[in-house]
Protein backbone atom coordinates (compact mmCIF):
# COMPACT_ATOMS: atom_id res chain seq x y z
CA MET A 1 35.50 -38.24 106.00
CA THR A 2 33.57 -38.87 102.69
CA LYS A 3 34.57 -36.17 99.72
CA PRO A 4 31.61 -34.53 98.85
CA GLN A 5 30.26 -35.23 95.37
CA ARG A 6 30.42 -32.78 92.79
CA ARG A 7 26.53 -32.55 90.50
CA PHE A 8 27.22 -30.33 87.52
CA VAL A 9 23.81 -28.65 85.99
CA ASP A 10 24.61 -27.65 82.20
CA LEU A 11 23.37 -23.87 81.82
CA SER A 12 23.54 -23.68 78.28
CA ILE A 13 21.79 -23.81 75.23
CA TYR A 14 23.66 -25.38 71.50
CA LEU A 15 24.78 -23.43 69.04
CA GLU A 16 23.18 -25.28 66.42
CA ASN A 17 21.40 -24.52 62.52
CA ASP A 18 17.72 -25.73 62.96
CA VAL A 19 16.44 -24.04 66.67
CA LEU A 20 15.41 -20.38 66.53
CA SER A 21 17.26 -18.87 69.17
CA ASP A 22 18.26 -15.35 67.88
CA PRO A 23 16.26 -13.65 64.69
CA PRO A 24 17.14 -14.90 61.56
CA PRO A 25 19.41 -12.76 60.14
CA LEU A 26 21.68 -13.03 63.28
CA ALA A 27 21.12 -16.42 63.32
CA PRO A 28 24.67 -18.94 64.14
CA LYS A 29 25.35 -21.01 60.36
CA ILE A 30 27.22 -24.32 60.75
CA THR A 31 28.70 -26.27 57.93
CA TYR A 32 29.30 -29.54 58.67
CA GLN A 33 32.37 -31.79 56.95
CA LYS A 34 32.73 -35.38 57.89
CA HIS A 35 36.20 -37.33 57.76
CA ALA A 36 37.00 -37.59 53.82
CA ASP A 37 35.80 -33.97 52.77
CA THR A 38 38.74 -32.68 54.45
CA LEU A 39 41.31 -34.96 52.76
CA PRO A 40 42.24 -31.92 50.25
CA GLU A 41 43.17 -29.89 52.92
CA PHE A 42 45.42 -33.02 54.60
CA MET A 43 46.74 -33.99 51.20
CA ALA A 44 47.58 -29.84 51.06
CA MET A 45 49.29 -29.72 53.94
CA ILE A 46 51.09 -32.96 53.64
CA PRO A 47 52.10 -32.49 50.02
CA GLY A 48 52.93 -35.94 48.14
CA THR A 49 50.19 -37.95 50.37
CA GLN A 50 47.11 -39.39 48.02
CA PRO A 51 43.56 -40.74 49.60
CA GLU A 52 44.69 -44.16 50.29
CA ASP A 53 47.48 -43.02 52.63
CA TYR A 54 44.49 -42.19 55.12
CA PRO A 55 43.04 -45.09 57.07
CA ASP A 56 40.22 -46.00 55.52
CA GLY A 57 40.39 -42.65 53.34
CA GLU A 58 39.25 -40.55 56.11
CA ALA A 59 40.73 -37.51 57.11
CA ALA A 60 38.92 -35.53 60.21
CA ALA A 61 35.76 -34.38 60.78
CA ALA A 62 35.58 -30.58 60.86
CA GLU A 63 33.28 -27.62 61.45
CA TRP A 64 32.96 -24.09 59.90
CA VAL A 65 31.50 -21.81 62.33
CA THR A 66 29.69 -18.48 61.02
CA LEU A 67 28.04 -16.50 64.19
CA THR A 68 28.34 -13.23 66.25
CA THR A 69 29.49 -13.26 69.64
CA HIS A 70 26.07 -13.08 70.76
CA ASN A 71 24.65 -16.36 69.44
CA GLY A 72 24.14 -18.98 71.81
CA THR A 73 24.82 -18.95 75.65
CA HIS A 74 27.19 -15.70 75.66
CA LEU A 75 28.52 -13.04 78.83
CA ASP A 76 28.51 -9.70 77.40
CA ALA A 77 30.69 -7.47 78.47
CA PRO A 78 29.96 -3.54 79.61
CA TRP A 79 31.73 -2.78 76.29
CA HIS A 80 28.95 -4.37 74.83
CA PHE A 81 26.05 -1.90 76.31
CA HIS A 82 27.92 1.09 75.90
CA SER A 83 31.46 3.12 75.47
CA THR A 84 31.31 3.83 78.87
CA GLN A 85 31.01 2.84 82.43
CA ASP A 86 30.92 3.03 86.23
CA ALA A 87 29.56 7.14 85.86
CA LYS A 88 28.07 6.64 89.03
CA ASN A 89 31.21 5.09 91.40
CA GLY A 90 33.49 8.62 91.15
CA GLY A 91 33.30 9.10 86.92
CA ALA A 92 32.42 7.43 83.58
CA ARG A 93 35.55 5.53 82.32
CA PRO A 94 36.21 3.54 79.39
CA SER A 95 33.89 0.08 79.10
CA ILE A 96 35.86 -2.91 79.69
CA THR A 97 35.90 -5.75 76.59
CA ILE A 98 35.21 -9.69 77.03
CA ASP A 99 38.70 -9.78 77.46
CA GLU A 100 39.36 -7.39 80.25
CA VAL A 101 36.36 -8.94 82.19
CA PRO A 102 37.94 -9.75 86.28
CA LEU A 103 38.27 -14.18 86.09
CA GLU A 104 36.89 -14.06 89.85
CA TRP A 105 33.48 -12.51 88.45
CA CYS A 106 32.67 -15.58 86.47
CA PHE A 107 32.89 -18.31 89.17
CA GLN A 108 30.77 -17.21 92.06
CA PRO A 109 27.97 -18.40 94.28
CA GLY A 110 24.85 -18.43 92.05
CA VAL A 111 21.17 -16.74 93.28
CA LYS A 112 18.19 -17.16 91.16
CA LEU A 113 15.30 -15.53 91.30
CA ASP A 114 12.10 -17.46 89.50
CA PHE A 115 9.97 -14.55 87.86
CA ARG A 116 8.01 -17.28 85.52
CA HIS A 117 4.91 -16.23 86.72
CA LEU A 118 5.60 -12.58 85.52
CA PRO A 119 4.05 -11.91 81.62
CA ASP A 120 5.59 -11.86 78.59
CA GLY A 121 6.93 -8.05 78.28
CA TYR A 122 7.18 -7.21 82.04
CA VAL A 123 9.73 -5.18 83.00
CA ALA A 124 11.12 -6.42 86.50
CA THR A 125 11.50 -3.67 88.98
CA SER A 126 13.75 -3.61 92.32
CA ALA A 127 10.22 -4.54 94.29
CA ASP A 128 10.25 -7.38 92.57
CA VAL A 129 13.55 -8.36 93.37
CA GLU A 130 13.12 -7.74 96.43
CA ALA A 131 10.50 -9.81 97.61
CA GLU A 132 12.04 -12.77 95.77
CA LEU A 133 14.95 -12.53 97.19
CA ALA A 134 12.73 -12.19 100.73
CA ARG A 135 10.96 -15.18 99.68
CA ILE A 136 13.72 -17.54 99.32
CA GLY A 137 15.40 -16.16 102.09
CA HIS A 138 18.75 -14.87 100.81
CA THR A 139 21.01 -11.34 101.28
CA LEU A 140 23.04 -10.56 98.37
CA GLN A 141 26.75 -10.71 98.43
CA PRO A 142 29.11 -8.88 96.91
CA LEU A 143 29.76 -10.74 93.36
CA ASP A 144 27.18 -13.44 93.93
CA ILE A 145 26.37 -14.30 90.44
CA VAL A 146 22.23 -13.49 90.10
CA VAL A 147 20.27 -15.50 87.01
CA VAL A 148 16.67 -14.91 86.34
CA ASN A 149 14.02 -17.53 85.21
CA THR A 150 11.77 -16.44 82.99
CA ARG A 151 9.18 -17.73 81.07
CA SER A 152 11.03 -17.70 78.12
CA GLY A 153 13.24 -21.12 79.09
CA SER A 154 9.97 -23.17 78.84
CA ARG A 155 10.13 -21.68 75.11
CA TYR A 156 13.02 -22.29 73.94
CA GLY A 157 12.96 -24.54 70.66
CA HIS A 158 9.75 -22.62 69.86
CA LYS A 159 8.48 -19.95 67.97
CA ASP A 160 7.86 -17.92 70.06
CA TYR A 161 10.92 -17.96 71.96
CA LEU A 162 12.09 -14.76 71.36
CA GLY A 163 9.12 -12.59 72.72
CA ALA A 164 8.92 -14.61 75.96
CA GLY A 165 9.24 -13.81 78.93
CA CYS A 166 9.86 -10.67 81.34
CA GLY A 167 13.11 -8.49 81.49
CA MET A 168 15.07 -6.46 84.07
CA GLY A 169 14.16 -2.97 83.82
CA TYR A 170 17.05 0.07 85.14
CA GLU A 171 15.81 -0.26 88.58
CA ALA A 172 15.94 -3.84 88.71
CA THR A 173 19.72 -4.20 87.69
CA MET A 174 20.48 -1.28 89.86
CA TYR A 175 19.35 -2.72 92.68
CA LEU A 176 21.30 -5.69 92.14
CA LEU A 177 24.61 -3.41 91.11
CA GLU A 178 24.41 -1.41 94.32
CA ARG A 179 24.48 -4.52 96.51
CA GLY A 180 27.64 -5.64 94.49
CA VAL A 181 26.54 -8.35 92.17
CA ARG A 182 28.85 -7.81 88.69
CA LEU A 183 27.43 -10.99 86.62
CA THR A 184 23.30 -11.18 86.30
CA GLY A 185 21.57 -13.97 83.79
CA THR A 186 18.47 -14.62 82.04
CA ASP A 187 17.17 -17.12 80.29
CA ALA A 188 15.42 -15.15 77.84
CA TRP A 189 16.89 -13.60 74.46
CA SER A 190 17.52 -10.58 76.48
CA TRP A 191 17.81 -9.48 79.68
CA ASP A 192 15.96 -6.62 78.70
CA ALA A 193 12.16 -7.11 77.96
CA PRO A 194 11.62 -8.17 73.92
CA PHE A 195 12.12 -5.75 72.11
CA SER A 196 8.33 -5.86 70.51
CA TYR A 197 6.94 -4.98 73.61
CA THR A 198 9.72 -2.03 74.34
CA ALA A 199 8.77 -0.36 71.09
CA GLN A 200 5.01 -0.69 72.27
CA ARG A 201 5.72 1.07 75.15
CA VAL A 202 8.11 3.64 73.84
CA ALA A 203 5.42 4.60 70.85
CA GLU A 204 2.52 4.87 73.68
CA THR A 205 5.01 7.36 76.26
CA GLY A 206 7.16 9.08 74.20
CA ASN A 207 10.12 7.91 76.72
CA LYS A 208 13.06 6.76 75.41
CA ALA A 209 14.95 6.08 78.10
CA LEU A 210 12.85 3.13 78.41
CA ILE A 211 14.95 1.41 75.33
CA TRP A 212 17.47 -0.95 76.50
CA GLU A 213 17.13 0.50 79.93
CA GLY A 214 18.26 -2.78 81.97
CA HIS A 215 21.12 -2.88 79.18
CA LYS A 216 22.15 0.65 80.12
CA ALA A 217 22.62 0.61 83.46
CA GLY A 218 26.10 -0.49 82.97
CA ARG A 219 26.55 2.93 82.26
CA ASP A 220 26.59 3.98 85.95
CA ILE A 221 27.86 0.76 87.47
CA GLY A 222 29.92 -1.63 84.87
CA TYR A 223 28.66 -5.33 85.23
CA CYS A 224 28.27 -8.75 82.84
CA HIS A 225 25.53 -10.38 82.25
CA LEU A 226 24.42 -13.72 80.76
CA GLU A 227 21.88 -14.10 78.03
CA LYS A 228 19.96 -17.17 76.42
CA LEU A 229 20.67 -19.36 79.48
CA HIS A 230 18.94 -23.15 79.69
CA ASN A 231 17.33 -25.31 82.61
CA LEU A 232 17.56 -22.53 84.91
CA GLU A 233 14.11 -24.53 86.13
CA ALA A 234 16.43 -27.29 87.73
CA LEU A 235 18.04 -24.93 90.35
CA PRO A 236 17.28 -24.15 93.70
CA PRO A 237 17.19 -20.34 94.60
CA THR A 238 20.37 -20.94 96.75
CA GLY A 239 23.33 -23.93 97.46
CA PHE A 240 25.40 -24.06 94.03
CA THR A 241 28.23 -21.97 91.95
CA ILE A 242 28.08 -20.67 88.71
CA SER A 243 31.03 -20.91 86.58
CA CYS A 244 30.76 -18.99 82.87
CA PHE A 245 34.07 -18.27 81.55
CA PRO A 246 33.81 -16.46 78.42
CA HIS A 247 36.06 -16.83 74.87
CA LYS A 248 38.69 -14.81 75.04
CA ILE A 249 38.19 -12.85 71.87
CA ARG A 250 40.63 -9.42 71.91
CA GLY A 251 38.85 -5.88 72.24
CA ALA A 252 34.94 -8.03 71.87
CA SER A 253 31.52 -7.30 73.57
CA ALA A 254 30.77 -10.45 74.15
CA GLY A 255 32.05 -14.03 74.74
CA TRP A 256 30.65 -17.63 73.93
CA THR A 257 30.35 -19.81 77.54
CA ARG A 258 29.72 -23.18 78.70
CA ALA A 259 27.48 -21.83 81.33
CA VAL A 260 27.21 -24.80 84.41
CA ALA A 261 25.79 -24.91 87.46
CA ILE A 262 27.74 -26.79 90.41
CA PHE A 263 26.75 -28.67 93.25
CA GLU A 264 28.93 -30.00 96.41
CA ASP A 265 26.28 -32.76 97.12
């Protein structure tokens, strides 16, 4: 019997200085140290040594990184969305932080919704989700990881990335959560529609409930979502597992992850 071959598809963007993946005030900053740059640090840790004591005058390469937990491809915890969760499931309780997210949420069968045809700023509805699930012939199972392929994925590395792609509204998010989904994701900067479109709708309607409506669904049913995924175009609708374990940061609202799709070919 031939053992299945595992194939991995990287779903993560880089942490880097030169590609716009966040508004400039929130962008990461990476300072690179070459092997000779760290000699003073090594000589301080090993007193009495000199540069010539190190092969070719080299110590170790290293990097200093300044970033938020929401830079790069990351997993948001319910704590990010609101201080309480699960109001719909028997009473609100304090929201869990990233170090409290159940690990079983982060390694489950994946489902891809293809919303690349939806315009920038569009807010997807439960009807959109239901129609796409019907199109791909999938019935949601508890703990499925549902990722949304928007137009934003094709704009990564371009100036319009932050404002590209559709968002997931409250009712679309609740449609997933009410069926047992606890982890979702998007290749856009945010699970919700870009802020510029939300601001315009709020100004036109006066409806403050539109502010971060997809995120705020976590008040009713706690869930996590991935943001700034990449390469979702390479995925079929189903037939793969997603691994997206977050970095274990005590009490944090999010954690960085190397999100990967795993195929058993």
